[in-house]
Every structure is written in C-alpha cells, then in structure tokens.
N, C-alpha and C. Protein backbone atom coordinates (compact mmCIF):
# COMPACT_ATOMS: atom_id res chain seq x y z
N UNK A 1 0.83 -1.21 0.00
CA UNK A 1 0.00 0.00 0.00
C UNK A 1 0.86 1.25 0.00
N UNK A 2 1.92 1.19 0.80
CA UNK A 2 2.78 2.37 0.85
C UNK A 2 3.43 2.63 -0.50
N UNK A 3 3.78 1.52 -1.19
CA UNK A 3 4.41 1.71 -2.50
C UNK A 3 3.47 2.36 -3.48
N UNK A 4 2.19 1.95 -3.40
CA UNK A 4 1.22 2.54 -4.32
C UNK A 4 1.02 4.01 -4.02
N UNK A 5 0.93 4.35 -2.77
CA UNK A 5 0.70 5.75 -2.41
C UNK A 5 1.89 6.62 -2.82
N UNK A 6 3.09 6.10 -2.67
CA UNK A 6 4.27 6.87 -3.06
C UNK A 6 4.29 7.09 -4.57
N UNK A 7 3.93 6.01 -5.30
CA UNK A 7 3.91 6.12 -6.76
C UNK A 7 2.88 7.14 -7.21
N UNK A 8 1.71 7.09 -6.57
CA UNK A 8 0.67 8.05 -6.95
C UNK A 8 1.08 9.46 -6.65
N UNK A 9 1.71 9.68 -5.52
CA UNK A 9 2.14 11.04 -5.17
C UNK A 9 3.23 11.54 -6.10
N UNK A 10 4.13 10.62 -6.47
CA UNK A 10 5.19 11.05 -7.38
C UNK A 10 4.63 11.39 -8.75
N UNK A 11 3.60 10.62 -9.19
CA UNK A 11 2.97 10.93 -10.47
C UNK A 11 2.29 12.28 -10.44
N UNK A 12 1.63 12.56 -9.33
CA UNK A 12 0.96 13.85 -9.20
C UNK A 12 1.96 14.99 -9.25
N UNK A 13 3.11 14.77 -8.60
CA UNK A 13 4.14 15.81 -8.60
C UNK A 13 4.64 16.07 -10.01
N UNK A 14 4.87 14.95 -10.78
CA UNK A 14 5.35 15.10 -12.15
C UNK A 14 4.34 15.83 -13.01
N UNK A 15 3.04 15.47 -12.83
CA UNK A 15 2.01 16.12 -13.63
C UNK A 15 1.93 17.61 -13.29
N UNK A 16 2.00 17.93 -11.99
CA UNK A 16 1.93 19.33 -11.59
C UNK A 16 3.12 20.13 -12.10
N UNK A 17 4.27 19.44 -12.20
CA UNK A 17 5.45 20.14 -12.69
C UNK A 17 5.43 20.32 -14.20
N UNK A 18 4.74 19.39 -14.92
CA UNK A 18 4.73 19.47 -16.37
C UNK A 18 3.79 20.54 -16.89
N UNK A 19 2.74 20.86 -16.14
CA UNK A 19 1.77 21.85 -16.61
C UNK A 19 2.38 23.24 -16.73
N UNK A 20 3.12 23.75 -15.74
CA UNK A 20 3.74 25.07 -15.92
C UNK A 20 4.74 25.09 -17.04
N UNK A 21 5.49 23.96 -17.19
CA UNK A 21 6.49 23.91 -18.26
C UNK A 21 5.83 24.03 -19.62
N UNK A 22 4.69 23.28 -19.78
CA UNK A 22 3.98 23.34 -21.06
C UNK A 22 3.40 24.73 -21.29
N UNK A 23 2.81 25.29 -20.23
CA UNK A 23 2.24 26.63 -20.37
C UNK A 23 3.31 27.66 -20.69
N UNK A 24 4.49 27.52 -20.05
CA UNK A 24 5.58 28.44 -20.34
C UNK A 24 6.06 28.32 -21.76
N UNK A 25 6.09 27.09 -22.29
CA UNK A 25 6.50 26.91 -23.68
C UNK A 25 5.54 27.54 -24.66
N UNK A 26 4.25 27.39 -24.40
CA UNK A 26 3.24 28.00 -25.27
C UNK A 26 3.33 29.52 -25.20
N UNK A 27 3.53 30.05 -24.00
CA UNK A 27 3.65 31.50 -23.86
C UNK A 27 4.88 32.01 -24.60
N UNK A 28 5.99 31.26 -24.49
CA UNK A 28 7.19 31.67 -25.19
C UNK A 28 7.01 31.66 -26.70
N UNK A 29 6.31 30.64 -27.21
CA UNK A 29 6.06 30.58 -28.65
C UNK A 29 5.18 31.73 -29.09
N UNK A 30 4.18 32.09 -28.27
CA UNK A 30 3.30 33.21 -28.60
C UNK A 30 4.07 34.52 -28.65
N UNK A 31 4.93 34.72 -27.66
CA UNK A 31 5.75 35.93 -27.64
C UNK A 31 6.68 35.97 -28.84
N UNK A 32 7.25 34.83 -29.21
CA UNK A 32 8.16 34.77 -30.37
C UNK A 32 7.43 35.14 -31.65
N UNK A 33 6.23 34.60 -31.84
CA UNK A 33 5.45 34.91 -33.04
C UNK A 33 5.07 36.39 -33.07
N UNK A 34 4.67 36.92 -31.91
CA UNK A 34 4.29 38.33 -31.86
C UNK A 34 5.47 39.24 -32.16
N UNK A 35 6.63 38.90 -31.63
CA UNK A 35 7.83 39.69 -31.91
C UNK A 35 8.20 39.61 -33.39
N UNK A 36 8.11 38.40 -33.94
CA UNK A 36 8.47 38.22 -35.35
C UNK A 36 7.53 39.00 -36.25
N UNK A 37 6.22 38.89 -35.99
CA UNK A 37 5.25 39.59 -36.83
C UNK A 37 5.39 41.11 -36.69
N UNK A 38 5.67 41.57 -35.44
CA UNK A 38 5.85 43.00 -35.24
C UNK A 38 7.06 43.53 -35.99
N UNK A 39 8.17 42.81 -35.92
CA UNK A 39 9.36 43.23 -36.65
C UNK A 39 9.15 43.15 -38.16
N UNK A 40 8.39 42.13 -38.59
CA UNK A 40 8.12 42.01 -40.03
C UNK A 40 7.32 43.18 -40.54
N UNK A 41 6.29 43.58 -39.77
CA UNK A 41 5.47 44.72 -40.19
C UNK A 41 6.30 46.00 -40.20
N UNK A 42 7.16 46.19 -39.18
CA UNK A 42 8.02 47.36 -39.17
C UNK A 42 8.99 47.36 -40.34
N UNK A 43 9.51 46.17 -40.68
CA UNK A 43 10.42 46.08 -41.81
C UNK A 43 9.74 46.39 -43.12
N UNK A 44 8.50 45.93 -43.27
CA UNK A 44 7.75 46.22 -44.49
C UNK A 44 7.48 47.71 -44.61
N UNK A 45 7.08 48.35 -43.51
CA UNK A 45 6.80 49.77 -43.54
C UNK A 45 8.06 50.58 -43.84
N UNK A 46 9.18 50.17 -43.25
CA UNK A 46 10.43 50.87 -43.50
C UNK A 46 10.88 50.67 -44.94
N UNK A 47 10.75 49.42 -45.44
CA UNK A 47 11.14 49.17 -46.82
C UNK A 47 10.25 49.88 -47.82
N UNK A 48 8.98 50.07 -47.46
CA UNK A 48 8.06 50.75 -48.38
C UNK A 48 8.37 52.23 -48.51
N UNK A 49 9.00 52.81 -47.49
CA UNK A 49 9.28 54.25 -47.52
C UNK A 49 10.74 54.56 -47.84
N UNK A 50 11.63 53.59 -47.77
CA UNK A 50 13.05 53.86 -48.03
C UNK A 50 13.61 52.80 -48.98
N UNK A 51 13.62 53.13 -50.25
CA UNK A 51 14.19 52.24 -51.25
C UNK A 51 13.17 51.50 -52.09
N UNK A 52 12.05 51.09 -51.50
CA UNK A 52 11.03 50.41 -52.27
C UNK A 52 10.25 51.40 -53.14
N UNK A 53 9.80 50.95 -54.27
CA UNK A 53 9.03 51.82 -55.16
C UNK A 53 8.12 50.98 -56.04
N UNK A 54 7.07 51.61 -56.52
CA UNK A 54 6.15 50.99 -57.48
C UNK A 54 5.59 49.68 -56.98
N UNK A 55 4.93 49.72 -55.83
CA UNK A 55 4.29 48.53 -55.28
C UNK A 55 3.14 48.95 -54.38
N UNK A 56 2.34 47.99 -53.98
CA UNK A 56 1.15 48.26 -53.18
C UNK A 56 1.52 48.83 -51.81
N UNK A 57 2.57 48.31 -51.19
CA UNK A 57 2.96 48.78 -49.87
C UNK A 57 3.39 50.25 -49.89
N UNK A 58 4.18 50.62 -50.88
CA UNK A 58 4.61 52.01 -50.99
C UNK A 58 3.41 52.92 -51.25
N UNK A 59 2.48 52.47 -52.08
CA UNK A 59 1.30 53.28 -52.38
C UNK A 59 0.46 53.51 -51.12
N UNK A 60 0.22 52.44 -50.36
CA UNK A 60 -0.57 52.59 -49.14
C UNK A 60 0.14 53.46 -48.11
N UNK A 61 1.45 53.31 -48.00
CA UNK A 61 2.21 54.11 -47.03
C UNK A 61 2.17 55.58 -47.39
N UNK A 62 2.26 55.90 -48.67
CA UNK A 62 2.21 57.30 -49.09
C UNK A 62 0.87 57.95 -48.76
N UNK A 63 -0.20 57.17 -48.72
CA UNK A 63 -1.52 57.69 -48.38
C UNK A 63 -1.82 57.55 -46.88
N UNK A 64 -0.81 57.20 -46.09
CA UNK A 64 -1.00 57.07 -44.66
C UNK A 64 -1.74 55.83 -44.23
N UNK A 65 -1.74 54.80 -45.07
CA UNK A 65 -2.45 53.56 -44.79
C UNK A 65 -1.49 52.38 -44.65
N UNK A 66 -0.29 52.66 -44.15
CA UNK A 66 0.72 51.62 -44.05
C UNK A 66 0.33 50.48 -43.14
N UNK A 67 -0.55 50.75 -42.16
CA UNK A 67 -0.97 49.68 -41.24
C UNK A 67 -1.77 48.59 -41.94
N UNK A 68 -2.24 48.87 -43.16
CA UNK A 68 -3.04 47.90 -43.92
C UNK A 68 -2.20 47.13 -44.93
N UNK A 69 -0.88 47.27 -44.87
CA UNK A 69 -0.02 46.59 -45.84
C UNK A 69 -0.19 45.07 -45.78
N UNK A 70 -0.16 44.52 -44.57
CA UNK A 70 -0.25 43.07 -44.42
C UNK A 70 -1.61 42.57 -44.90
N UNK A 71 -2.67 43.28 -44.56
CA UNK A 71 -4.02 42.88 -44.98
C UNK A 71 -4.15 42.92 -46.51
N UNK A 72 -3.61 43.99 -47.11
CA UNK A 72 -3.69 44.12 -48.57
C UNK A 72 -2.93 42.99 -49.26
N UNK A 73 -1.78 42.64 -48.71
CA UNK A 73 -0.99 41.56 -49.31
C UNK A 73 -1.73 40.23 -49.26
N UNK A 74 -2.34 39.94 -48.11
CA UNK A 74 -3.09 38.70 -47.99
C UNK A 74 -4.29 38.68 -48.95
N UNK A 75 -4.98 39.79 -49.08
CA UNK A 75 -6.13 39.84 -49.99
C UNK A 75 -5.70 39.62 -51.43
N UNK A 76 -4.57 40.23 -51.81
CA UNK A 76 -4.07 40.06 -53.17
C UNK A 76 -3.69 38.60 -53.42
N UNK A 77 -3.00 37.98 -52.48
CA UNK A 77 -2.58 36.59 -52.66
C UNK A 77 -3.78 35.65 -52.72
N UNK A 78 -4.78 35.87 -51.86
CA UNK A 78 -5.96 35.00 -51.86
C UNK A 78 -6.72 35.15 -53.17
N UNK A 79 -6.95 36.39 -53.60
CA UNK A 79 -7.66 36.62 -54.86
C UNK A 79 -6.89 36.04 -56.03
N UNK A 80 -5.58 36.21 -56.03
CA UNK A 80 -4.77 35.68 -57.13
C UNK A 80 -4.77 34.16 -57.13
N UNK A 81 -4.76 33.55 -55.95
CA UNK A 81 -4.82 32.09 -55.86
C UNK A 81 -6.10 31.54 -56.48
N UNK A 82 -7.23 32.18 -56.18
CA UNK A 82 -8.50 31.76 -56.78
C UNK A 82 -8.47 31.96 -58.29
N UNK A 83 -7.89 33.06 -58.74
CA UNK A 83 -7.84 33.34 -60.18
C UNK A 83 -7.01 32.28 -60.90
N UNK A 84 -5.87 31.92 -60.35
CA UNK A 84 -5.03 30.88 -60.96
C UNK A 84 -5.77 29.55 -61.00
N UNK A 85 -6.48 29.24 -59.92
CA UNK A 85 -7.21 27.97 -59.87
C UNK A 85 -8.26 27.90 -60.97
N UNK A 86 -9.01 28.96 -61.19
CA UNK A 86 -10.07 28.94 -62.20
C UNK A 86 -9.51 29.05 -63.62
N UNK A 87 -8.25 29.45 -63.76
CA UNK A 87 -7.65 29.56 -65.09
C UNK A 87 -6.45 28.61 -65.25
N UNK A 88 -6.48 27.52 -64.49
CA UNK A 88 -5.34 26.61 -64.46
C UNK A 88 -5.12 25.88 -65.79
N UNK A 89 -6.11 25.87 -66.68
CA UNK A 89 -5.96 25.18 -67.96
C UNK A 89 -5.37 26.09 -69.04
N UNK A 90 -5.13 27.34 -68.70
CA UNK A 90 -4.53 28.26 -69.67
C UNK A 90 -3.06 27.93 -69.88
N UNK A 91 -2.46 28.54 -70.88
CA UNK A 91 -1.05 28.32 -71.18
C UNK A 91 -0.20 28.67 -69.95
N UNK A 92 0.72 27.79 -69.61
CA UNK A 92 1.49 27.93 -68.38
C UNK A 92 2.34 29.20 -68.39
N UNK A 93 2.85 29.60 -69.55
CA UNK A 93 3.71 30.77 -69.60
C UNK A 93 2.91 32.07 -69.46
N UNK A 94 1.65 32.06 -69.87
CA UNK A 94 0.80 33.21 -69.60
C UNK A 94 0.58 33.36 -68.10
N UNK A 95 0.36 32.24 -67.42
CA UNK A 95 0.17 32.28 -65.97
C UNK A 95 1.44 32.71 -65.25
N UNK A 96 2.59 32.24 -65.75
CA UNK A 96 3.86 32.63 -65.14
C UNK A 96 4.09 34.13 -65.29
N UNK A 97 3.77 34.67 -66.45
CA UNK A 97 3.95 36.10 -66.68
C UNK A 97 3.09 36.94 -65.74
N UNK A 98 1.83 36.56 -65.58
CA UNK A 98 0.94 37.27 -64.66
C UNK A 98 1.44 37.13 -63.22
N UNK A 99 1.88 35.93 -62.86
CA UNK A 99 2.38 35.70 -61.50
C UNK A 99 3.60 36.57 -61.20
N UNK A 100 4.49 36.74 -62.16
CA UNK A 100 5.68 37.55 -61.94
C UNK A 100 5.31 39.01 -61.70
N UNK A 101 4.35 39.52 -62.42
CA UNK A 101 3.93 40.92 -62.23
C UNK A 101 3.27 41.09 -60.86
N UNK A 102 2.43 40.13 -60.48
CA UNK A 102 1.81 40.18 -59.15
C UNK A 102 2.89 40.14 -58.07
N UNK A 103 3.88 39.26 -58.24
CA UNK A 103 4.96 39.14 -57.27
C UNK A 103 5.75 40.44 -57.13
N UNK A 104 5.89 41.17 -58.23
CA UNK A 104 6.62 42.45 -58.18
C UNK A 104 5.82 43.54 -57.49
N UNK A 105 4.50 43.50 -57.60
CA UNK A 105 3.68 44.61 -57.13
C UNK A 105 3.04 44.37 -55.76
N UNK A 106 2.94 43.12 -55.30
CA UNK A 106 2.12 42.84 -54.12
C UNK A 106 2.77 43.29 -52.82
N UNK A 107 4.09 43.47 -52.79
CA UNK A 107 4.77 43.96 -51.59
C UNK A 107 5.98 44.77 -52.02
N UNK A 108 6.63 45.39 -51.03
CA UNK A 108 7.71 46.32 -51.37
C UNK A 108 8.89 45.59 -52.00
N UNK A 109 9.45 46.21 -53.05
CA UNK A 109 10.63 45.71 -53.72
C UNK A 109 11.51 46.88 -54.11
N UNK A 110 12.78 46.61 -54.20
CA UNK A 110 13.74 47.61 -54.70
C UNK A 110 13.98 47.37 -56.19
N UNK A 111 14.81 48.24 -56.77
CA UNK A 111 14.93 48.22 -58.23
C UNK A 111 15.55 46.92 -58.73
N UNK A 112 16.43 46.29 -57.93
CA UNK A 112 17.04 45.04 -58.41
C UNK A 112 16.05 43.89 -58.43
N UNK A 113 14.92 44.02 -57.74
CA UNK A 113 13.88 43.00 -57.81
C UNK A 113 13.08 43.05 -59.11
N UNK A 114 13.35 44.07 -59.93
CA UNK A 114 12.69 44.12 -61.24
C UNK A 114 13.11 42.95 -62.13
N UNK A 115 14.10 42.19 -61.68
CA UNK A 115 14.50 40.99 -62.42
C UNK A 115 13.31 40.03 -62.57
N UNK A 116 12.36 40.10 -61.66
CA UNK A 116 11.15 39.27 -61.76
C UNK A 116 10.44 39.49 -63.09
N UNK A 117 10.55 40.70 -63.61
CA UNK A 117 9.77 41.05 -64.80
C UNK A 117 10.45 40.62 -66.09
N UNK A 118 11.50 39.82 -66.00
CA UNK A 118 12.02 39.16 -67.20
C UNK A 118 11.08 38.04 -67.66
N UNK A 119 10.37 37.44 -66.72
CA UNK A 119 9.46 36.35 -67.06
C UNK A 119 8.30 36.82 -67.96
N UNK A 120 7.68 37.97 -67.70
CA UNK A 120 6.66 38.43 -68.65
C UNK A 120 7.19 38.69 -70.05
N UNK A 121 8.49 38.99 -70.17
CA UNK A 121 9.06 39.14 -71.51
C UNK A 121 8.98 37.83 -72.28
N UNK A 122 9.23 36.73 -71.61
CA UNK A 122 9.09 35.41 -72.25
C UNK A 122 7.64 35.18 -72.64
N UNK A 123 6.73 35.54 -71.76
CA UNK A 123 5.30 35.37 -72.06
C UNK A 123 4.89 36.19 -73.27
N UNK A 124 5.38 37.44 -73.34
CA UNK A 124 5.04 38.29 -74.49
C UNK A 124 5.66 37.74 -75.77
N UNK A 125 6.88 37.25 -75.70
CA UNK A 125 7.53 36.68 -76.89
C UNK A 125 6.74 35.48 -77.41
N UNK A 126 6.33 34.62 -76.49
CA UNK A 126 5.53 33.46 -76.90
C UNK A 126 4.18 33.90 -77.48
N UNK A 127 3.63 34.97 -76.93
CA UNK A 127 2.37 35.49 -77.44
C UNK A 127 2.53 36.01 -78.86
N UNK A 128 3.67 36.64 -79.13
CA UNK A 128 3.95 37.13 -80.48
C UNK A 128 4.09 35.98 -81.46
N UNK A 129 4.72 34.90 -81.04
CA UNK A 129 4.97 33.75 -81.91
C UNK A 129 3.79 32.78 -81.97
N UNK A 130 2.81 32.95 -81.11
CA UNK A 130 1.71 32.01 -81.02
C UNK A 130 0.79 32.16 -82.24
N UNK A 131 0.50 31.06 -82.91
CA UNK A 131 -0.30 31.11 -84.14
C UNK A 131 -1.73 31.56 -83.88
N UNK A 132 -2.26 31.21 -82.71
CA UNK A 132 -3.65 31.53 -82.40
C UNK A 132 -3.86 32.98 -82.00
N UNK A 133 -2.79 33.72 -81.75
CA UNK A 133 -2.93 35.12 -81.34
C UNK A 133 -3.41 35.97 -82.51
N UNK A 134 -4.27 36.92 -82.21
CA UNK A 134 -4.73 37.85 -83.24
C UNK A 134 -3.62 38.83 -83.59
N UNK A 135 -3.76 39.47 -84.74
CA UNK A 135 -2.76 40.44 -85.17
C UNK A 135 -2.67 41.61 -84.20
N UNK A 136 -3.81 42.04 -83.68
CA UNK A 136 -3.80 43.15 -82.73
C UNK A 136 -3.04 42.76 -81.46
N UNK A 137 -3.31 41.55 -80.97
CA UNK A 137 -2.62 41.09 -79.77
C UNK A 137 -1.13 40.99 -80.02
N UNK A 138 -0.72 40.52 -81.19
CA UNK A 138 0.70 40.40 -81.51
C UNK A 138 1.37 41.77 -81.55
N UNK A 139 0.69 42.76 -82.13
CA UNK A 139 1.26 44.10 -82.22
C UNK A 139 1.39 44.74 -80.84
N UNK A 140 0.36 44.58 -80.03
CA UNK A 140 0.42 45.13 -78.67
C UNK A 140 1.53 44.45 -77.87
N UNK A 141 1.62 43.11 -78.00
CA UNK A 141 2.64 42.36 -77.28
C UNK A 141 4.04 42.79 -77.73
N UNK A 142 4.22 43.00 -79.03
CA UNK A 142 5.53 43.42 -79.53
C UNK A 142 5.89 44.81 -79.02
N UNK A 143 4.93 45.73 -79.01
CA UNK A 143 5.19 47.08 -78.52
C UNK A 143 5.57 47.07 -77.05
N UNK A 144 4.82 46.31 -76.24
CA UNK A 144 5.11 46.23 -74.81
C UNK A 144 6.44 45.53 -74.56
N UNK A 145 6.74 44.52 -75.37
CA UNK A 145 8.02 43.82 -75.25
C UNK A 145 9.17 44.80 -75.46
N UNK A 146 9.10 45.60 -76.52
CA UNK A 146 10.18 46.55 -76.83
C UNK A 146 10.29 47.63 -75.75
N UNK A 147 9.15 48.16 -75.30
CA UNK A 147 9.18 49.21 -74.28
C UNK A 147 9.74 48.69 -72.96
N UNK A 148 9.27 47.53 -72.56
CA UNK A 148 9.73 46.98 -71.29
C UNK A 148 11.21 46.62 -71.34
N UNK A 149 11.66 46.09 -72.46
CA UNK A 149 13.08 45.75 -72.59
C UNK A 149 13.94 47.01 -72.51
N UNK A 150 13.49 48.10 -73.16
CA UNK A 150 14.25 49.34 -73.14
C UNK A 150 14.27 49.95 -71.73
N UNK A 151 13.14 49.89 -71.02
CA UNK A 151 13.06 50.47 -69.69
C UNK A 151 13.75 49.63 -68.62
N UNK A 152 14.07 48.39 -68.96
CA UNK A 152 14.68 47.49 -67.98
C UNK A 152 16.20 47.50 -68.00
N UNK A 153 16.79 48.26 -68.91
CA UNK A 153 18.25 48.32 -69.00
C UNK A 153 18.81 49.04 -67.78
N UNK A 154 19.74 48.38 -67.07
CA UNK A 154 20.33 48.95 -65.86
C UNK A 154 21.21 50.15 -66.22
N UNK A 155 21.35 51.17 -65.34
CA UNK A 155 20.74 51.25 -64.00
C UNK A 155 19.31 51.78 -64.00
N UNK A 156 18.79 52.12 -65.15
CA UNK A 156 17.42 52.62 -65.19
C UNK A 156 17.32 54.09 -64.85
N UNK A 157 16.18 54.67 -65.19
CA UNK A 157 16.02 56.10 -64.98
C UNK A 157 15.77 56.51 -63.56
N UNK A 158 15.45 55.56 -62.67
CA UNK A 158 15.17 55.92 -61.29
C UNK A 158 16.37 56.57 -60.63
N UNK A 159 17.58 56.07 -60.89
CA UNK A 159 18.80 56.62 -60.29
C UNK A 159 19.66 57.38 -61.29
N UNK A 160 19.36 57.23 -62.57
CA UNK A 160 20.18 57.89 -63.59
C UNK A 160 19.70 59.30 -63.89
N UNK A 161 18.37 59.51 -63.86
CA UNK A 161 17.79 60.79 -64.23
C UNK A 161 17.57 61.65 -62.99
N UNK A 162 17.65 62.99 -63.16
CA UNK A 162 17.38 63.88 -62.03
C UNK A 162 15.88 64.03 -61.80
N UNK A 163 15.53 64.52 -60.63
CA UNK A 163 14.13 64.81 -60.33
C UNK A 163 13.70 66.04 -61.14
N UNK A 164 12.50 66.06 -61.73
CA UNK A 164 11.39 65.08 -61.63
C UNK A 164 11.37 64.06 -62.77
N UNK A 165 12.43 64.04 -63.59
CA UNK A 165 12.43 63.11 -64.71
C UNK A 165 12.43 61.66 -64.24
N UNK A 166 13.08 61.39 -63.11
CA UNK A 166 13.09 60.01 -62.61
C UNK A 166 11.69 59.57 -62.18
N UNK A 167 10.90 60.51 -61.64
CA UNK A 167 9.52 60.16 -61.27
C UNK A 167 8.68 59.88 -62.50
N UNK A 168 8.87 60.68 -63.54
CA UNK A 168 8.14 60.44 -64.79
C UNK A 168 8.55 59.09 -65.37
N UNK A 169 9.83 58.77 -65.29
CA UNK A 169 10.32 57.48 -65.77
C UNK A 169 9.62 56.33 -65.04
N UNK A 170 9.49 56.42 -63.73
CA UNK A 170 8.85 55.37 -62.95
C UNK A 170 7.38 55.25 -63.33
N UNK A 171 6.69 56.38 -63.52
CA UNK A 171 5.29 56.32 -63.91
C UNK A 171 5.11 55.62 -65.26
N UNK A 172 6.00 55.93 -66.21
CA UNK A 172 5.94 55.27 -67.51
C UNK A 172 6.22 53.78 -67.37
N UNK A 173 7.21 53.45 -66.54
CA UNK A 173 7.58 52.05 -66.34
C UNK A 173 6.42 51.27 -65.73
N UNK A 174 5.78 51.82 -64.71
CA UNK A 174 4.65 51.14 -64.07
C UNK A 174 3.48 51.02 -65.04
N UNK A 175 3.28 52.03 -65.88
CA UNK A 175 2.22 51.97 -66.89
C UNK A 175 2.45 50.80 -67.84
N UNK A 176 3.70 50.58 -68.23
CA UNK A 176 4.03 49.45 -69.10
C UNK A 176 3.78 48.14 -68.38
N UNK A 177 4.13 48.07 -67.09
CA UNK A 177 3.86 46.85 -66.33
C UNK A 177 2.38 46.54 -66.26
N UNK A 178 1.59 47.57 -65.99
CA UNK A 178 0.13 47.36 -65.90
C UNK A 178 -0.43 46.94 -67.26
N UNK A 179 0.08 47.54 -68.33
CA UNK A 179 -0.37 47.16 -69.67
C UNK A 179 -0.01 45.71 -69.98
N UNK A 180 1.19 45.28 -69.59
CA UNK A 180 1.57 43.88 -69.78
C UNK A 180 0.65 42.97 -68.97
N UNK A 181 0.37 43.37 -67.75
CA UNK A 181 -0.52 42.59 -66.90
C UNK A 181 -1.90 42.43 -67.55
N UNK A 182 -2.43 43.51 -68.12
CA UNK A 182 -3.76 43.46 -68.72
C UNK A 182 -3.79 42.60 -69.97
N UNK A 183 -2.79 42.73 -70.84
CA UNK A 183 -2.79 41.95 -72.08
C UNK A 183 -2.63 40.47 -71.78
N UNK A 184 -1.81 40.14 -70.78
CA UNK A 184 -1.65 38.73 -70.40
C UNK A 184 -2.92 38.18 -69.76
N UNK A 185 -3.57 39.00 -68.94
CA UNK A 185 -4.83 38.58 -68.32
C UNK A 185 -5.89 38.33 -69.39
N UNK A 186 -5.96 39.21 -70.38
CA UNK A 186 -6.95 39.04 -71.46
C UNK A 186 -6.67 37.76 -72.22
N UNK A 187 -5.40 37.50 -72.51
CA UNK A 187 -5.06 36.28 -73.24
C UNK A 187 -5.35 35.03 -72.43
N UNK A 188 -5.16 35.09 -71.11
CA UNK A 188 -5.49 33.94 -70.27
C UNK A 188 -6.98 33.65 -70.33
N UNK A 189 -7.79 34.69 -70.24
CA UNK A 189 -9.25 34.48 -70.26
C UNK A 189 -9.73 34.00 -71.63
N UNK A 190 -9.04 34.40 -72.68
CA UNK A 190 -9.43 33.94 -74.02
C UNK A 190 -9.01 32.50 -74.26
N UNK A 191 -7.93 32.09 -73.61
CA UNK A 191 -7.37 30.76 -73.89
C UNK A 191 -7.54 29.76 -72.76
N UNK A 192 -8.30 30.09 -71.74
CA UNK A 192 -8.35 29.22 -70.57
C UNK A 192 -9.03 27.90 -70.85
N UNK A 193 -9.87 27.85 -71.88
CA UNK A 193 -10.56 26.60 -72.19
C UNK A 193 -9.79 25.74 -73.18
N UNK A 194 -8.68 26.26 -73.65
CA UNK A 194 -7.89 25.47 -74.60
C UNK A 194 -7.01 24.51 -73.82
N UNK A 195 -7.02 23.28 -74.21
CA UNK A 195 -6.15 22.28 -73.57
C UNK A 195 -4.72 22.53 -74.03
N UNK A 196 -3.79 22.22 -73.15
CA UNK A 196 -2.39 22.38 -73.52
C UNK A 196 -2.04 21.39 -74.63
N UNK A 197 -1.26 21.88 -75.56
CA UNK A 197 -0.92 21.05 -76.71
C UNK A 197 -0.10 19.84 -76.26
N UNK A 198 -0.49 18.67 -76.72
CA UNK A 198 0.24 17.45 -76.39
C UNK A 198 1.35 17.24 -77.41
N UNK A 199 2.50 16.76 -76.99
CA UNK A 199 3.58 16.51 -77.94
C UNK A 199 3.19 15.42 -78.93
N UNK A 200 3.63 15.59 -80.15
CA UNK A 200 3.31 14.60 -81.17
C UNK A 200 4.05 13.30 -80.90
N UNK A 201 3.44 12.19 -81.28
CA UNK A 201 4.07 10.89 -81.06
C UNK A 201 5.24 10.70 -82.01
N UNK A 202 6.28 10.02 -81.59
CA UNK A 202 7.39 9.70 -82.50
C UNK A 202 6.89 8.85 -83.66
N UNK A 203 7.57 8.90 -84.83
CA UNK A 203 7.11 8.12 -85.99
C UNK A 203 6.99 6.63 -85.70
N UNK A 204 7.94 6.08 -84.95
CA UNK A 204 7.89 4.64 -84.66
C UNK A 204 6.66 4.30 -83.83
N UNK A 205 6.36 5.14 -82.85
CA UNK A 205 5.20 4.90 -82.02
C UNK A 205 3.91 5.06 -82.81
N UNK A 206 3.88 6.03 -83.73
CA UNK A 206 2.70 6.22 -84.56
C UNK A 206 2.47 5.01 -85.46
N UNK A 207 3.55 4.48 -86.05
CA UNK A 207 3.43 3.32 -86.92
C UNK A 207 2.96 2.11 -86.13
N UNK A 208 3.50 1.95 -84.90
CA UNK A 208 3.10 0.84 -84.08
C UNK A 208 1.63 0.93 -83.72
N UNK A 209 1.17 2.14 -83.40
CA UNK A 209 -0.25 2.28 -83.03
C UNK A 209 -1.16 1.97 -84.22
N UNK A 210 -0.72 2.32 -85.45
CA UNK A 210 -1.52 2.04 -86.61
C UNK A 210 -1.60 0.53 -86.83
N UNK A 211 -0.48 -0.19 -86.63
CA UNK A 211 -0.50 -1.65 -86.80
C UNK A 211 -1.42 -2.29 -85.79
N UNK A 212 -1.39 -1.79 -84.53
CA UNK A 212 -2.25 -2.37 -83.50
C UNK A 212 -3.71 -2.12 -83.85
N UNK A 213 -4.01 -0.91 -84.30
CA UNK A 213 -5.41 -0.61 -84.65
C UNK A 213 -5.85 -1.40 -85.87
N UNK A 214 -4.89 -1.67 -86.79
CA UNK A 214 -5.26 -2.46 -87.97
C UNK A 214 -5.55 -3.90 -87.63
N UNK A 215 -4.87 -4.44 -86.62
CA UNK A 215 -5.15 -5.81 -86.20
C UNK A 215 -6.50 -5.91 -85.51
C-alpha cells in the first residue's frame, strides 16, 4: 500500500510540474510569433518608404495607410490564388507572366527585384509567336516587349535621371507593367478553355499504333 501511495504522489508531482512547463513553452512561442510579426510589419513599412518603389505597400504608405499593408498583401494573394485555380488550364507561360507581375507589385521591392519582370518578356515573346494570337494582340505584345526591354536596362532612370524626370520614368515604367498585366490577363481568359498542346508521337510509335489498330 505504501508503495502505491508513493507512486501516486510522485505521479501527481510530475504532472503538476509538467503543466507550468507546457504553459511556459506556449507562452514563449506566442511571444516569439508576436515579436516576429511586429518586426516584419516594421520592416515592411520601412522598406516601403526607403528604397522600395512601385508597389502596393509604398502606395498605401504614401496615403497614410501603411498599417493595412499586411491585410492588402493577404487579400491580393488570396484573390490571385483563386484566379489561378479557375484559369489553371490556360497556357502555363501566360500564368507565369501574370504571376511575376503580381509578385513584383504585391509587396515592397527595390529596383534590383525588377528581375522578376524578365518572365513576362518570355510570355510576351511566346504570345507574339503564337499562331492563335490575333494580329492586334501580336502588335500590342511586340510594342510592350520593346518598351519593357528598353526600360529594364540597368541602371534605369530611377537613379540615372534627375528629379522630376526620374519620377516620370517610374510612372511610364509602371504603366508598361500594368499594360503587360492586362494583355496577359486578357489572353489567359481567351485561352483558358484550350487544352495544352500534347507533344506529337514519335514516328515509330505512330506506326506501331496504326498496326495495332489495324489488327
């Protein structure tokens, strides 16, 4: 009996000791997450006002709405996720081009992050070469391709030109980005029901399939 009572008391002691430890661990994790999120928000706000340009965070901060940066980013990502899901059958390079533009604009970026926008150039080139594209779409894609390529040459007008010419340069650059975004979006909606082209069968495989069907 004494052994049982000692065992029970020792178990109770262990359980009582484990509860504060577990609670302390949860509290520590909560504090860690809160500190991380707070520093992340501060970093986003600082990046949006010093060095970042042409993005949603910088735009909201300039209008005194920097506290909504995180909410705006989540809304953009959620809406874009649904859009990709409903247009998942469209040409993959059209989707990649739109994704790259969204990635550039959805949060603060500096000028070297414009490298993301090389991907829409590939999308525009494929659009120009695509047989199903209309002549108007090809001409618009070619014009945007040339403009974006010219505006993307380093170091760019943001740091090369004096004020206010550098601001005008950025406005023109963002206008080209938005135009690329719109033309790619239009092409995705026009082509979303088209199945991706399947590779043609090798001649040997085609001959074999004909023999099997003939038998």
